C-alpha atoms as a PDB file:
ATOM      1  CA  UNK A   1     -31.449  63.947 -50.841  1.00  0.00           C
ATOM      2  CA  UNK A   2     -30.746  61.217 -48.330  1.00  0.00           C
ATOM      3  CA  UNK A   3     -27.194  60.129 -47.894  1.00  0.00           C
ATOM      4  CA  UNK A   4     -26.799  56.426 -47.247  1.00  0.00           C
ATOM      5  CA  UNK A   5     -23.688  54.503 -46.583  1.00  0.00           C
ATOM      6  CA  UNK A   6     -23.323  51.151 -48.176  1.00  0.00           C
ATOM      7  CA  UNK A   7     -21.298  48.846 -45.959  1.00  0.00           C
ATOM      8  CA  UNK A   8     -20.787  46.050 -48.351  1.00  0.00           C
ATOM      9  CA  UNK A   9     -21.563  43.492 -45.586  1.00  0.00           C
ATOM     10  CA  UNK A  10     -23.339  42.956 -42.306  1.00  0.00           C
ATOM     11  CA  UNK A  11     -20.234  42.662 -40.092  1.00  0.00           C
ATOM     12  CA  UNK A  12     -19.063  44.746 -37.139  1.00  0.00           C
ATOM     13  CA  UNK A  13     -17.007  47.863 -37.574  1.00  0.00           C
ATOM     14  CA  UNK A  14     -13.508  48.107 -36.157  1.00  0.00           C
ATOM     15  CA  UNK A  15     -14.693  50.556 -33.486  1.00  0.00           C
ATOM     16  CA  UNK A  16     -17.405  48.166 -32.314  1.00  0.00           C
ATOM     17  CA  UNK A  17     -14.906  45.311 -32.064  1.00  0.00           C
ATOM     18  CA  UNK A  18     -12.450  47.491 -30.119  1.00  0.00           C
ATOM     19  CA  UNK A  19     -15.173  48.442 -27.630  1.00  0.00           C
ATOM     20  CA  UNK A  20     -16.035  44.771 -27.047  1.00  0.00           C
ATOM     21  CA  UNK A  21     -12.354  43.910 -26.547  1.00  0.00           C
ATOM     22  CA  UNK A  22     -11.863  46.754 -24.047  1.00  0.00           C
ATOM     23  CA  UNK A  23     -14.960  45.766 -22.050  1.00  0.00           C
ATOM     24  CA  UNK A  24     -13.828  42.119 -21.998  1.00  0.00           C
ATOM     25  CA  UNK A  25     -10.374  43.155 -20.815  1.00  0.00           C
ATOM     26  CA  UNK A  26     -11.816  45.232 -17.975  1.00  0.00           C
ATOM     27  CA  UNK A  27     -14.014  42.331 -16.840  1.00  0.00           C
ATOM     28  CA  UNK A  28     -11.104  39.871 -16.921  1.00  0.00           C
ATOM     29  CA  UNK A  29      -8.862  42.307 -15.034  1.00  0.00           C
ATOM     30  CA  UNK A  30     -11.477  42.543 -12.305  1.00  0.00           C
ATOM     31  CA  UNK A  31     -12.271  38.807 -12.165  1.00  0.00           C
ATOM     32  CA  UNK A  32      -8.750  37.324 -11.998  1.00  0.00           C
ATOM     33  CA  UNK A  33      -7.772  38.754  -8.569  1.00  0.00           C
ATOM     34  CA  UNK A  34     -11.132  37.702  -7.122  1.00  0.00           C
ATOM     35  CA  UNK A  35     -10.647  34.180  -8.479  1.00  0.00           C
ATOM     36  CA  UNK A  36      -7.119  33.935  -7.064  1.00  0.00           C
ATOM     37  CA  UNK A  37      -8.289  35.153  -3.657  1.00  0.00           C
ATOM     38  CA  UNK A  38     -11.135  32.625  -3.576  1.00  0.00           C
ATOM     39  CA  UNK A  39      -8.765  29.845  -4.626  1.00  0.00           C
ATOM     40  CA  UNK A  40      -6.372  30.683  -1.745  1.00  0.00           C
ATOM     41  CA  UNK A  41      -9.343  30.795   0.627  1.00  0.00           C
ATOM     42  CA  UNK A  42     -10.495  27.340  -0.542  1.00  0.00           C
ATOM     43  CA  UNK A  43      -7.012  25.898   0.031  1.00  0.00           C
ATOM     44  CA  UNK A  44      -6.784  27.373   3.530  1.00  0.00           C
ATOM     45  CA  UNK A  45     -10.278  26.155   4.363  1.00  0.00           C
ATOM     46  CA  UNK A  46      -9.380  22.594   3.379  1.00  0.00           C
ATOM     47  CA  UNK A  47      -6.262  22.707   5.560  1.00  0.00           C
ATOM     48  CA  UNK A  48      -8.172  24.181   8.517  1.00  0.00           C
ATOM     49  CA  UNK A  49     -10.908  21.540   8.269  1.00  0.00           C
ATOM     50  CA  UNK A  50      -8.412  18.666   8.307  1.00  0.00           C
ATOM     51  CA  UNK A  51      -6.440  20.222  11.149  1.00  0.00           C
ATOM     52  CA  UNK A  52      -9.745  20.456  13.041  1.00  0.00           C
ATOM     53  CA  UNK A  53     -10.250  16.715  12.587  1.00  0.00           C
ATOM     54  CA  UNK A  54      -6.783  16.029  13.992  1.00  0.00           C
ATOM     55  CA  UNK A  55      -7.382  18.445  16.851  1.00  0.00           C
ATOM     56  CA  UNK A  56     -10.603  16.628  17.791  1.00  0.00           C
ATOM     57  CA  UNK A  57      -8.660  13.343  17.957  1.00  0.00           C
ATOM     58  CA  UNK A  58      -6.064  14.961  20.208  1.00  0.00           C
ATOM     59  CA  UNK A  59      -8.769  16.285  22.530  1.00  0.00           C
ATOM     60  CA  UNK A  60     -10.241  12.791  22.864  1.00  0.00           C
ATOM     61  CA  UNK A  61      -6.792  11.351  23.570  1.00  0.00           C
ATOM     62  CA  UNK A  62      -6.131  14.019  26.186  1.00  0.00           C
ATOM     63  CA  UNK A  63      -9.493  13.327  27.850  1.00  0.00           C
ATOM     64  CA  UNK A  64      -8.649   9.650  28.340  1.00  0.00           C
ATOM     65  CA  UNK A  65      -4.870   9.826  28.912  1.00  0.00           C
ATOM     66  CA  UNK A  66      -4.403  13.180  30.653  1.00  0.00           C
ATOM     67  CA  UNK A  67      -1.727  14.340  28.209  1.00  0.00           C
ATOM     68  CA  UNK A  68      -1.092  14.597  24.483  1.00  0.00           C
ATOM     69  CA  UNK A  69       0.965  11.926  22.718  1.00  0.00           C
ATOM     70  CA  UNK A  70       4.716  12.669  22.876  1.00  0.00           C
ATOM     71  CA  UNK A  71       6.527  13.234  19.599  1.00  0.00           C
ATOM     72  CA  UNK A  72       9.841  15.078  19.603  1.00  0.00           C
ATOM     73  CA  UNK A  73       9.614  15.871  15.894  1.00  0.00           C
ATOM     74  CA  UNK A  74       6.907  16.427  13.316  1.00  0.00           C
ATOM     75  CA  UNK A  75       5.455  13.037  12.437  1.00  0.00           C
ATOM     76  CA  UNK A  76       2.722  12.065  10.026  1.00  0.00           C
ATOM     77  CA  UNK A  77      -0.688  11.838  11.649  1.00  0.00           C
ATOM     78  CA  UNK A  78      -2.007   8.814   9.765  1.00  0.00           C
ATOM     79  CA  UNK A  79      -1.071   5.452  11.258  1.00  0.00           C
ATOM     80  CA  UNK A  80      -0.457   6.662  14.816  1.00  0.00           C
ATOM     81  CA  UNK A  81      -2.052   4.824  17.724  1.00  0.00           C
ATOM     82  CA  UNK A  82      -3.464   8.005  19.256  1.00  0.00           C
ATOM     83  CA  UNK A  83      -6.033   8.655  16.522  1.00  0.00           C
ATOM     84  CA  UNK A  84      -8.740   6.883  14.563  1.00  0.00           C
ATOM     85  CA  UNK A  85      -8.110   8.746  11.315  1.00  0.00           C
ATOM     86  CA  UNK A  86      -7.877   6.313   8.420  1.00  0.00           C
ATOM     87  CA  UNK A  87      -5.752   6.666   5.319  1.00  0.00           C
ATOM     88  CA  UNK A  88      -7.449   8.986   2.847  1.00  0.00           C
ATOM     89  CA  UNK A  89      -9.637  10.807   5.377  1.00  0.00           C
ATOM     90  CA  UNK A  90      -7.443  13.909   5.349  1.00  0.00           C
ATOM     91  CA  UNK A  91      -6.915  13.849   1.591  1.00  0.00           C
ATOM     92  CA  UNK A  92      -8.771  16.566  -0.241  1.00  0.00           C
ATOM     93  CA  UNK A  93      -8.484  18.460  -3.478  1.00  0.00           C
ATOM     94  CA  UNK A  94      -5.310  20.330  -2.490  1.00  0.00           C
ATOM     95  CA  UNK A  95      -3.652  18.329   0.295  1.00  0.00           C
ATOM     96  CA  UNK A  96      -2.909  14.688   0.988  1.00  0.00           C
ATOM     97  CA  UNK A  97      -2.741  12.766   4.268  1.00  0.00           C
ATOM     98  CA  UNK A  98       1.023  13.134   4.521  1.00  0.00           C
ATOM     99  CA  UNK A  99       0.848  16.948   4.479  1.00  0.00           C
ATOM    100  CA  UNK A 100      -0.404  16.940   8.056  1.00  0.00           C
ATOM    101  CA  UNK A 101       2.122  16.560  10.869  1.00  0.00           C
ATOM    102  CA  UNK A 102       1.985  16.518  14.655  1.00  0.00           C
ATOM    103  CA  UNK A 103       4.543  17.365  17.334  1.00  0.00           C
ATOM    104  CA  UNK A 104       4.469  17.509  21.148  1.00  0.00           C
ATOM    105  CA  UNK A 105       7.685  17.616  23.159  1.00  0.00           C
ATOM    106  CA  UNK A 106       6.085  17.339  26.595  1.00  0.00           C
ATOM    107  CA  UNK A 107       2.507  16.083  26.216  1.00  0.00           C
ATOM    108  CA  UNK A 108       1.204  19.463  27.386  1.00  0.00           C
ATOM    109  CA  UNK A 109       1.775  21.620  24.327  1.00  0.00           C
ATOM    110  CA  UNK A 110       1.430  20.537  20.716  1.00  0.00           C
ATOM    111  CA  UNK A 111       1.443  21.759  17.147  1.00  0.00           C
ATOM    112  CA  UNK A 112      -0.457  20.423  14.189  1.00  0.00           C
ATOM    113  CA  UNK A 113       1.054  21.524  10.916  1.00  0.00           C
ATOM    114  CA  UNK A 114      -0.111  21.474   7.313  1.00  0.00           C
ATOM    115  CA  UNK A 115       2.915  21.659   5.031  1.00  0.00           C
ATOM    116  CA  UNK A 116       2.580  24.217   2.255  1.00  0.00           C
ATOM    117  CA  UNK A 117       3.454  21.595  -0.399  1.00  0.00           C
ATOM    118  CA  UNK A 118       3.434  24.052  -3.337  1.00  0.00           C
ATOM    119  CA  UNK A 119      -0.205  24.809  -2.505  1.00  0.00           C
ATOM    120  CA  UNK A 120       0.042  27.577   0.077  1.00  0.00           C
ATOM    121  CA  UNK A 121       2.678  30.281   0.256  1.00  0.00           C
ATOM    122  CA  UNK A 122       3.555  29.219   3.823  1.00  0.00           C
ATOM    123  CA  UNK A 123       2.840  26.262   6.070  1.00  0.00           C
ATOM    124  CA  UNK A 124      -0.166  26.546   8.377  1.00  0.00           C
ATOM    125  CA  UNK A 125      -0.108  25.367  11.973  1.00  0.00           C
ATOM    126  CA  UNK A 126      -2.147  25.534  15.158  1.00  0.00           C
ATOM    127  CA  UNK A 127      -1.148  24.936  18.767  1.00  0.00           C
ATOM    128  CA  UNK A 128      -3.109  23.634  21.760  1.00  0.00           C
ATOM    129  CA  UNK A 129      -4.332  27.137  22.663  1.00  0.00           C
ATOM    130  CA  UNK A 130      -6.004  27.550  19.275  1.00  0.00           C
ATOM    131  CA  UNK A 131      -3.405  30.000  17.984  1.00  0.00           C
ATOM    132  CA  UNK A 132      -3.163  29.800  14.182  1.00  0.00           C
ATOM    133  CA  UNK A 133      -0.134  30.905  12.234  1.00  0.00           C
ATOM    134  CA  UNK A 134       1.229  30.789   8.716  1.00  0.00           C
ATOM    135  CA  UNK A 135       4.893  29.967   9.011  1.00  0.00           C
ATOM    136  CA  UNK A 136       7.574  28.216   7.045  1.00  0.00           C
ATOM    137  CA  UNK A 137      10.453  28.745   9.481  1.00  0.00           C
ATOM    138  CA  UNK A 138      10.448  25.235  10.910  1.00  0.00           C
ATOM    139  CA  UNK A 139      11.954  22.493   8.721  1.00  0.00           C
ATOM    140  CA  UNK A 140       9.870  19.443   8.000  1.00  0.00           C
ATOM    141  CA  UNK A 141      11.204  16.192   9.379  1.00  0.00           C
ATOM    142  CA  UNK A 142      10.124  13.020   7.628  1.00  0.00           C
ATOM    143  CA  UNK A 143       9.573   9.900   9.680  1.00  0.00           C
END
């Protein structure tokens, strides 16, 4: 005598559904931190690329003038006579033109800063030596 179970339908059992839910949960738990890390990396990469553009302009200015433009406080980069960067050229997916600031007290040393602007956890800046740092200790000064 063969024992057969009659299921009454062609659906999934509760155990099968629970297994699918557990597997989905494990995959999501693994994917979310990777996604967040890649998102932070994309934001930093955008900031670094724009800072590189500004840095290239400063190098050209230094080559012709022998010093960097003086600015005793952080000023917006766009609209300054020392660069050829047009409005919108530094705007990307995460940052806008006005997030990038420049400062040089003496024309020898400088800092280019990308304000965190609710995008990064801390502001990103670079100096003339190529030293990068994430820092939010210095207050932003609007011009």
